[in-house]
């Protein structure tokens, strides 16, 4: 049983009444007995929780920084009117609004209560129990119960680069229009027929089509569209480092989403593997419109693991998941020691089977420190920053000489830089 502030107010008024009208022990006992009778009667008249049905959607998806409305449906199947309050419990990180609601439901009626949630980080938020405080007609007392109504809100990556995707797809369409050319050989797709002109390879003549037409026809070919892109996302200790306001992992996820959308628009199939010492998330080979939602849901709950990444295991897992020659886009760090100890021993195995593109986010604070010369302390910091930048440039040049493509950029520029590199590979026929 629970009591409310109304009971305290009634007790205070009764005390005043006893002091004025019946200043004796008999008066105290009489008023106390009356209050007790009212209390028990009010609690007994409160509606029962057994006749209440509560439900809500098991999963609601929303992007980070946006708001989602989660509806809680309450149905009163009982014969009494339900009065009281309802508390919809959510984690503080969900930033829920309007969690406390006043409840009044007649018999066999239904209501929908909406809670606004605005998560500010990726991942799932699991709803807590729904607390019901059911009061009697006088509002003096009642009973309190809790109900488990399973529900989750999944905060998907913000994907701020989505506005860039449309422009990159237009560039891709223009590129495909220019790249329709006469090609023969393994790995090319048939495009159309055209009339034979002097100088064409006679082996390109299609004799069956020529027999059905009045002119000699040759086949035209275009670069193969259905290529495969495998994205490897390093979720180890290095990805936990802060670059600006977000982690390196967040920057990699943003770039991976843009690349996935662009590759799907190009007709390529895409797969993703997030790994440190075990698989954290995986998206099997897919393409088309189904790719983007699958990527966002798979990447929503990934957090950096504070362990060194097993790069050999990551390469083995990647090779096992793609047998055909593919473009492997590896999101990782390019610090000198990391490349020397972790990447160089395994890159030849991967590069021998696939086209490899390493993607790394750079810290804009380092570039800013290298340009600052205002004080002696700034000069020392600039020297250290210049040394780090020179080391990184040497590492990138060394990797390019080994046939490994490299993309590095600041967090806000990395998605577009990666998309431009992908388009360049398409333009050059490397994909």
Protein backbone atom coordinates (compact mmCIF):
# COMPACT_ATOMS: atom_id res chain seq x y z
CA UNK A 1 0.00 0.00 0.00
CA UNK A 2 1.12 3.55 -0.76
CA UNK A 3 -0.23 6.80 0.64
CA UNK A 4 -0.29 10.24 -0.96
CA UNK A 5 0.08 13.83 0.13
CA UNK A 6 -3.70 14.08 0.38
CA UNK A 7 -3.63 11.79 3.40
CA UNK A 8 -1.10 14.03 5.11
CA UNK A 9 -3.29 17.05 4.36
CA UNK A 10 -6.37 15.26 5.72
CA UNK A 11 -4.46 14.31 8.88
CA UNK A 12 -3.41 17.95 9.39
CA UNK A 13 -7.00 19.15 9.01
CA UNK A 14 -8.18 16.46 11.43
CA UNK A 15 -5.61 17.58 13.99
CA UNK A 16 -6.92 21.14 13.78
CA UNK A 17 -10.47 19.84 14.16
CA UNK A 18 -9.54 17.88 17.30
CA UNK A 19 -7.79 20.88 18.81
CA UNK A 20 -10.82 23.14 18.25
CA UNK A 21 -13.84 20.85 18.68
CA UNK A 22 -12.78 17.72 20.60
CA UNK A 23 -9.61 18.45 22.59
CA UNK A 24 -9.41 15.00 24.24
CA UNK A 25 -8.04 11.48 23.74
CA UNK A 26 -11.51 10.40 22.62
CA UNK A 27 -11.44 12.97 19.88
CA UNK A 28 -7.99 11.83 18.73
CA UNK A 29 -9.08 8.19 18.63
CA UNK A 30 -12.32 9.00 16.81
CA UNK A 31 -10.64 11.09 14.12
CA UNK A 32 -7.81 8.55 13.72
CA UNK A 33 -10.32 5.74 13.32
CA UNK A 34 -12.20 7.74 10.69
CA UNK A 35 -9.00 8.40 8.77
CA UNK A 36 -8.06 4.71 8.96
CA UNK A 37 -11.46 3.67 7.62
CA UNK A 38 -11.18 6.16 4.75
CA UNK A 39 -7.65 4.97 4.02
CA UNK A 40 -8.60 1.28 3.85
CA UNK A 41 -11.75 1.96 1.84
CA UNK A 42 -9.88 4.11 -0.66
CA UNK A 43 -7.15 1.50 -1.09
CA UNK A 44 -9.72 -1.25 -1.54
CA UNK A 45 -11.57 0.78 -4.17
CA UNK A 46 -8.42 1.35 -6.23
CA UNK A 47 -8.42 -0.42 -9.59
CA UNK A 48 -6.46 -3.65 -9.88
CA UNK A 49 -3.32 -4.05 -11.97
CA UNK A 50 -4.34 -7.55 -13.09
CA UNK A 51 -6.73 -6.11 -15.65
CA UNK A 52 -4.13 -3.81 -17.24
CA UNK A 53 -2.38 -4.77 -20.47
CA UNK A 54 0.77 -2.87 -21.42
CA UNK A 55 2.63 -3.13 -24.73
CA UNK A 56 5.06 -1.17 -26.89
CA UNK A 57 7.20 -1.80 -30.01
CA UNK A 58 10.12 -4.13 -29.19
CA UNK A 59 12.61 -2.10 -31.25
CA UNK A 60 12.68 1.53 -32.33
CA UNK A 61 15.54 2.86 -34.46
CA UNK A 62 16.69 6.47 -34.54
CA UNK A 63 19.87 8.23 -35.60
CA UNK A 64 22.13 9.77 -33.02
CA UNK A 65 21.03 13.30 -32.19
CA UNK A 66 17.50 12.82 -33.50
CA UNK A 67 14.34 12.15 -31.49
CA UNK A 68 12.15 9.07 -31.57
CA UNK A 69 8.67 8.61 -30.12
CA UNK A 70 8.05 5.32 -28.30
CA UNK A 71 4.38 4.55 -27.76
CA UNK A 72 3.24 2.68 -24.65
CA UNK A 73 -0.26 1.25 -25.09
CA UNK A 74 -2.28 0.76 -21.90
CA UNK A 75 -5.55 -1.21 -22.01
CA UNK A 76 -7.87 -1.54 -19.00
CA UNK A 77 -9.64 -4.91 -19.20
CA UNK A 78 -10.99 -4.66 -15.65
CA UNK A 79 -14.40 -3.55 -14.41
CA UNK A 80 -13.12 -0.57 -12.38
CA UNK A 81 -11.83 2.80 -13.46
CA UNK A 82 -8.06 3.08 -13.17
CA UNK A 83 -6.73 6.25 -11.54
CA UNK A 84 -3.16 7.07 -10.70
CA UNK A 85 0.26 7.68 -12.22
CA UNK A 86 2.57 5.84 -14.61
CA UNK A 87 6.38 6.09 -14.71
CA UNK A 88 8.08 4.92 -17.92
CA UNK A 89 11.68 4.12 -16.99
CA UNK A 90 14.51 4.63 -19.52
CA UNK A 91 18.30 5.00 -19.06
CA UNK A 92 19.51 8.56 -18.55
CA UNK A 93 21.60 8.32 -21.75
CA UNK A 94 18.35 8.08 -23.73
CA UNK A 95 17.37 11.61 -22.57
CA UNK A 96 13.71 10.66 -22.24
CA UNK A 97 11.00 13.31 -21.87
CA UNK A 98 7.49 13.00 -20.40
CA UNK A 99 8.19 9.83 -18.48
CA UNK A 100 5.68 10.58 -15.69
CA UNK A 101 2.04 10.49 -16.82
CA UNK A 102 -1.27 10.86 -15.05
CA UNK A 103 -3.51 7.87 -15.75
CA UNK A 104 -7.29 7.69 -15.80
CA UNK A 105 -8.88 4.80 -17.70
CA UNK A 106 -12.44 3.61 -17.64
CA UNK A 107 -13.36 -0.07 -18.00
CA UNK A 108 -12.47 -1.57 -21.41
CA UNK A 109 -10.71 1.54 -22.64
CA UNK A 110 -7.30 2.11 -24.15
CA UNK A 111 -4.80 4.94 -24.23
CA UNK A 112 -1.43 5.55 -25.84
CA UNK A 113 1.32 7.35 -23.98
CA UNK A 114 4.27 8.69 -25.99
CA UNK A 115 7.79 9.11 -24.60
CA UNK A 116 10.32 11.20 -26.56
CA UNK A 117 13.87 9.80 -26.60
CA UNK A 118 16.96 11.59 -27.95
CA UNK A 119 20.06 9.39 -27.59
CA UNK A 120 23.40 11.14 -28.09
CA UNK A 121 25.58 8.05 -28.60
CA UNK A 122 25.37 4.92 -30.69
CA UNK A 123 24.03 1.69 -29.23
CA UNK A 124 20.92 0.11 -27.72
CA UNK A 125 19.00 1.56 -24.78
CA UNK A 126 16.89 -1.04 -22.97
CA UNK A 127 13.74 0.14 -21.26
CA UNK A 128 13.32 -0.45 -17.55
CA UNK A 129 10.10 -1.60 -15.85
CA UNK A 130 6.92 0.45 -16.05
CA UNK A 131 5.84 1.57 -12.55
CA UNK A 132 2.10 1.98 -11.90
CA UNK A 133 0.75 3.76 -8.83
CA UNK A 134 -2.99 3.00 -8.74
CA UNK A 135 -5.03 5.21 -6.39
CA UNK A 136 -8.55 5.08 -4.99
CA UNK A 137 -11.35 7.55 -5.78
CA UNK A 138 -10.35 9.83 -2.88
CA UNK A 139 -6.68 9.83 -3.87
CA UNK A 140 -5.58 9.02 -0.31
CA UNK A 141 -4.00 5.60 -0.83
CA UNK A 142 -3.53 2.81 -3.32
CA UNK A 143 -1.07 0.19 -4.48
CA UNK A 144 2.10 0.29 -6.55
CA UNK A 145 3.19 -2.40 -9.02
CA UNK A 146 5.90 -2.81 -11.65
CA UNK A 147 5.52 -4.39 -15.04
CA UNK A 148 8.28 -5.49 -17.42
CA UNK A 149 7.40 -4.34 -20.93
CA UNK A 150 10.42 -5.22 -23.12
CA UNK A 151 11.54 -2.48 -25.50
CA UNK A 152 14.76 -1.09 -26.97
CA UNK A 153 15.76 2.05 -28.74
CA UNK A 154 18.66 1.58 -31.15
CA UNK A 155 20.72 4.70 -31.80
CA UNK A 156 22.14 4.35 -35.31
CA UNK A 157 25.20 6.27 -36.53
CA UNK A 158 24.43 9.88 -37.36
CA UNK A 159 25.75 9.52 -40.95
CA UNK A 160 26.29 13.23 -41.42
CA UNK A 161 27.93 12.53 -44.80
CA UNK A 162 24.65 11.39 -46.31
CA UNK A 163 24.30 14.83 -47.93
CA UNK A 164 27.54 14.09 -49.83
CA UNK A 165 26.27 10.75 -51.13
CA UNK A 166 23.87 12.22 -53.70
CA UNK A 167 26.59 14.34 -55.33
CA UNK A 168 29.02 11.40 -55.44
CA UNK A 169 26.38 9.18 -57.04
CA UNK A 170 25.87 11.83 -59.73
CA UNK A 171 29.62 11.84 -60.37
CA UNK A 172 29.48 8.05 -60.59
CA UNK A 173 26.70 8.17 -63.19
CA UNK A 174 28.67 10.65 -65.29
CA UNK A 175 31.74 8.46 -64.96
CA UNK A 176 29.85 5.37 -66.08
CA UNK A 177 28.55 7.25 -69.08
CA UNK A 178 32.08 8.20 -70.16
CA UNK A 179 33.49 4.75 -69.49
CA UNK A 180 31.19 2.83 -71.82
CA UNK A 181 33.81 1.68 -74.32
CA UNK A 182 34.64 -1.18 -76.59
CA UNK A 183 36.34 -3.83 -74.52
CA UNK A 184 36.85 -7.56 -74.88
CA UNK A 185 38.21 -10.12 -72.55
CA UNK A 186 37.54 -11.84 -69.28
CA UNK A 187 35.81 -9.79 -66.60
CA UNK A 188 33.96 -7.39 -68.95
CA UNK A 189 30.16 -7.08 -69.22
CA UNK A 190 28.23 -7.03 -72.49
CA UNK A 191 26.68 -3.62 -73.13
CA UNK A 192 25.06 -3.43 -76.59
CA UNK A 193 25.45 -3.97 -80.33
CA UNK A 194 26.57 -1.43 -82.90
CA UNK A 195 27.37 -1.45 -86.60
CA UNK A 196 30.77 -2.66 -87.72
CA UNK A 197 33.22 0.03 -88.85
CA UNK A 198 36.57 -0.35 -90.50
CA UNK A 199 39.28 -1.10 -87.95
CA UNK A 200 37.09 -3.08 -85.54
CA UNK A 201 38.40 -6.45 -84.40
CA UNK A 202 36.61 -9.05 -86.48
CA UNK A 203 36.50 -11.29 -83.40
CA UNK A 204 34.01 -8.84 -81.89
CA UNK A 205 31.48 -9.53 -84.65
CA UNK A 206 28.35 -11.27 -83.36
CA UNK A 207 27.34 -13.52 -86.28
CA UNK A 208 23.99 -14.53 -84.81
CA UNK A 209 22.92 -10.90 -84.35
CA UNK A 210 24.29 -10.11 -87.84
CA UNK A 211 22.15 -12.90 -89.34
CA UNK A 212 19.02 -11.30 -87.88
CA UNK A 213 19.95 -7.79 -89.03
CA UNK A 214 20.75 -6.10 -92.31
CA UNK A 215 24.19 -4.87 -91.14
CA UNK A 216 27.25 -6.47 -89.60
CA UNK A 217 27.03 -6.01 -85.81
CA UNK A 218 29.78 -6.08 -83.21
CA UNK A 219 29.47 -6.39 -79.48
CA UNK A 220 30.42 -3.51 -77.21
CA UNK A 221 31.56 -4.12 -73.68
CA UNK A 222 31.88 -2.05 -70.54
CA UNK A 223 33.89 -2.47 -67.36
CA UNK A 224 32.37 -5.03 -65.05
CA UNK A 225 29.95 -3.48 -62.52
CA UNK A 226 29.49 -6.34 -60.12
CA UNK A 227 32.75 -6.03 -58.22
CA UNK A 228 33.19 -6.80 -54.55
CA UNK A 229 34.21 -4.44 -51.74
CA UNK A 230 35.25 -5.78 -48.34
CA UNK A 231 35.52 -3.24 -45.52
CA UNK A 232 37.69 -4.21 -42.54
CA UNK A 233 37.09 -2.09 -39.46
CA UNK A 234 39.77 -2.18 -36.77
CA UNK A 235 37.99 -1.90 -33.40
CA UNK A 236 41.06 -2.35 -31.20
CA UNK A 237 42.77 0.00 -28.79
CA UNK A 238 43.93 2.42 -31.48
CA UNK A 239 40.35 3.10 -32.59
CA UNK A 240 39.47 4.39 -29.11
CA UNK A 241 41.63 7.49 -29.49
CA UNK A 242 39.81 10.80 -29.58
CA UNK A 243 40.13 12.87 -32.74
CA UNK A 244 38.20 16.07 -32.29
CA UNK A 245 34.93 15.33 -30.50
CA UNK A 246 34.64 11.68 -31.58
CA UNK A 247 36.77 8.56 -31.61
CA UNK A 248 38.72 7.23 -34.57
CA UNK A 249 36.16 4.43 -34.74
CA UNK A 250 33.33 6.94 -35.20
CA UNK A 251 35.20 8.59 -38.06
CA UNK A 252 35.79 5.20 -39.68
CA UNK A 253 32.11 4.28 -39.36
CA UNK A 254 31.08 7.54 -41.03
CA UNK A 255 33.44 6.89 -43.96
CA UNK A 256 32.36 3.24 -44.23
CA UNK A 257 28.70 4.23 -44.51
CA UNK A 258 29.42 6.67 -47.33
CA UNK A 259 31.59 4.16 -49.19
CA UNK A 260 28.95 1.45 -48.77
CA UNK A 261 26.22 3.65 -50.18
CA UNK A 262 28.37 4.70 -53.13
CA UNK A 263 29.49 1.14 -53.91
CA UNK A 264 25.89 -0.09 -53.78
CA UNK A 265 24.89 2.68 -56.23
CA UNK A 266 27.70 1.50 -58.52
CA UNK A 267 26.27 -2.03 -58.55
CA UNK A 268 29.08 -3.51 -56.45
CA UNK A 269 28.48 -5.95 -53.64
CA UNK A 270 29.75 -4.97 -50.20
CA UNK A 271 30.68 -6.85 -47.03
CA UNK A 272 31.91 -5.54 -43.69
CA UNK A 273 33.89 -7.08 -40.85
CA UNK A 274 34.57 -5.31 -37.53
CA UNK A 275 37.33 -7.08 -35.63
CA UNK A 276 39.90 -6.68 -32.84
CA UNK A 277 40.58 -10.14 -31.40
CA UNK A 278 37.21 -11.50 -32.40
CA UNK A 279 34.43 -10.53 -34.75
CA UNK A 280 32.45 -7.61 -33.29
CA UNK A 281 30.09 -7.09 -36.21
CA UNK A 282 29.65 -8.56 -39.65
CA UNK A 283 27.60 -7.77 -42.72
CA UNK A 284 27.63 -10.50 -45.32
CA UNK A 285 27.88 -9.80 -49.02
CA UNK A 286 24.96 -7.69 -50.15
CA UNK A 287 24.13 -4.70 -52.30
CA UNK A 288 21.32 -2.44 -53.42
CA UNK A 289 19.01 -0.57 -51.09
CA UNK A 290 19.20 -3.23 -48.39
CA UNK A 291 22.88 -2.49 -47.75
CA UNK A 292 22.66 0.86 -45.98
CA UNK A 293 20.18 -0.19 -43.25
CA UNK A 294 22.15 -3.38 -42.60
CA UNK A 295 25.38 -1.44 -42.22
CA UNK A 296 23.83 1.08 -39.86
CA UNK A 297 22.26 -1.56 -37.62
CA UNK A 298 25.44 -3.63 -37.55
CA UNK A 299 27.63 -0.65 -36.68
CA UNK A 300 25.29 0.90 -34.13
CA UNK A 301 26.51 -1.08 -31.13
CA UNK A 302 30.26 -1.28 -31.83
CA UNK A 303 32.56 0.25 -29.23
CA UNK A 304 36.38 0.19 -29.20
CA UNK A 305 37.96 -2.67 -27.28
CA UNK A 306 40.98 -1.70 -25.17
CA UNK A 307 43.16 -4.48 -26.57
CA UNK A 308 45.75 -4.64 -29.35
CA UNK A 309 44.18 -5.83 -32.58
CA UNK A 310 45.16 -9.27 -33.82
CA UNK A 311 45.93 -8.17 -37.38
CA UNK A 312 46.87 -11.67 -38.49
CA UNK A 313 43.50 -12.94 -37.30
CA UNK A 314 41.77 -10.03 -39.00
CA UNK A 315 43.45 -10.84 -42.32
CA UNK A 316 42.60 -14.53 -41.99
CA UNK A 317 38.97 -13.71 -41.27
CA UNK A 318 38.83 -11.34 -44.24
CA UNK A 319 40.35 -13.87 -46.65
CA UNK A 320 37.97 -16.59 -45.46
CA UNK A 321 34.99 -14.37 -46.23
CA UNK A 322 35.92 -13.36 -49.76
CA UNK A 323 37.39 -15.80 -52.26
CA UNK A 324 37.23 -13.65 -55.38
CA UNK A 325 39.56 -10.74 -56.00
CA UNK A 326 38.11 -7.68 -54.25
CA UNK A 327 38.84 -4.18 -53.12
CA UNK A 328 39.71 -4.49 -49.42
CA UNK A 329 39.28 -1.22 -47.55
CA UNK A 330 41.02 -1.45 -44.19
CA UNK A 331 40.25 1.24 -41.60
CA UNK A 332 43.23 1.34 -39.25
CA UNK A 333 46.05 3.51 -37.95
CA UNK A 334 49.22 4.43 -39.86
CA UNK A 335 51.57 5.33 -37.03
CA UNK A 336 55.10 4.17 -37.75
CA UNK A 337 55.37 1.61 -34.95
CA UNK A 338 51.91 0.22 -35.64
CA UNK A 339 52.61 -0.23 -39.33
CA UNK A 340 56.01 -1.81 -38.67
CA UNK A 341 54.81 -4.29 -36.06
CA UNK A 342 51.24 -5.06 -37.07
CA UNK A 343 50.58 -4.23 -40.73
CA UNK A 344 53.75 -5.00 -42.69
CA UNK A 345 53.91 -8.68 -41.65
CA UNK A 346 50.38 -9.37 -42.92
CA UNK A 347 49.87 -6.92 -45.80
CA UNK A 348 51.75 -9.03 -48.40
CA UNK A 349 49.33 -11.92 -47.81
CA UNK A 350 46.33 -9.66 -48.29
CA UNK A 351 47.79 -7.67 -51.19
CA UNK A 352 48.68 -10.87 -53.03
CA UNK A 353 44.99 -11.74 -53.31
CA UNK A 354 43.17 -8.41 -53.33
CA UNK A 355 43.51 -4.70 -54.08
CA UNK A 356 44.18 -3.10 -50.68
CA UNK A 357 43.25 0.42 -49.63
CA UNK A 358 44.30 1.60 -46.16
CA UNK A 359 42.18 4.35 -44.61
CA UNK A 360 43.29 6.33 -41.58
CA UNK A 361 41.95 9.41 -39.83
CA UNK A 362 44.42 12.15 -38.95
CA UNK A 363 44.33 14.42 -35.92
CA UNK A 364 43.75 18.04 -37.01
CA UNK A 365 45.29 19.23 -33.73
CA UNK A 366 48.69 17.88 -34.86
CA UNK A 367 48.55 19.86 -38.11
CA UNK A 368 47.49 22.94 -36.17
CA UNK A 369 50.36 22.48 -33.71
CA UNK A 370 52.84 22.18 -36.59
CA UNK A 371 51.75 25.57 -37.93
CA UNK A 372 51.87 27.44 -34.61
CA UNK A 373 55.02 29.46 -33.81
CA UNK A 374 53.83 32.08 -31.32
CA UNK A 375 55.97 31.15 -28.30
CA UNK A 376 58.98 28.95 -27.41
CA UNK A 377 56.59 26.28 -26.11
CA UNK A 378 54.70 26.40 -29.41
CA UNK A 379 57.96 25.98 -31.32
CA UNK A 380 58.84 22.83 -29.38
CA UNK A 381 55.33 21.45 -29.96
CA UNK A 382 55.59 22.35 -33.65
CA UNK A 383 58.88 20.47 -33.95
CA UNK A 384 57.34 17.36 -32.41
CA UNK A 385 54.31 17.66 -34.68
CA UNK A 386 56.48 18.11 -37.78
CA UNK A 387 58.45 15.00 -36.84
CA UNK A 388 55.25 13.01 -36.52
CA UNK A 389 53.91 14.29 -39.83
CA UNK A 390 57.20 13.51 -41.61
CA UNK A 391 57.18 9.98 -40.18
CA UNK A 392 53.63 9.46 -41.36
CA UNK A 393 54.49 10.71 -44.86
CA UNK A 394 57.40 8.26 -45.06
CA UNK A 395 55.14 5.40 -43.98
CA UNK A 396 52.54 6.32 -46.62
CA UNK A 397 55.15 6.55 -49.35
CA UNK A 398 56.60 3.19 -48.33
CA UNK A 399 53.16 1.59 -48.50
CA UNK A 400 52.42 3.09 -51.93
CA UNK A 401 55.68 1.68 -53.28
CA UNK A 402 54.48 -1.74 -52.15
CA UNK A 403 51.28 -1.28 -54.17
CA UNK A 404 49.09 -0.35 -51.20
CA UNK A 405 46.80 2.63 -51.71
CA UNK A 406 46.43 5.01 -48.76
CA UNK A 407 43.77 7.58 -47.84
CA UNK A 408 44.32 9.88 -44.87
CA UNK A 409 42.28 12.92 -43.87
CA UNK A 410 40.78 14.76 -40.93
CA UNK A 411 37.53 13.32 -39.48
CA UNK A 412 35.20 15.72 -41.29
CA UNK A 413 37.02 15.22 -44.60
CA UNK A 414 37.69 11.47 -44.47
CA UNK A 415 34.36 10.21 -45.89
CA UNK A 416 34.56 12.44 -48.97
CA UNK A 417 38.27 11.68 -49.47
CA UNK A 418 37.52 7.95 -49.43
CA UNK A 419 34.63 8.40 -51.86
CA UNK A 420 36.89 10.36 -54.23
CA UNK A 421 39.51 7.59 -54.09
CA UNK A 422 36.84 5.01 -54.90
CA UNK A 423 35.68 7.06 -57.88
CA UNK A 424 39.27 7.40 -59.04
CA UNK A 425 39.70 3.62 -58.93
CA UNK A 426 36.54 3.30 -61.02
CA UNK A 427 37.76 5.93 -63.46
CA UNK A 428 41.14 4.27 -63.94
CA UNK A 429 39.59 0.82 -64.40
CA UNK A 430 41.33 -0.55 -61.30
CA UNK A 431 37.93 -1.78 -60.09
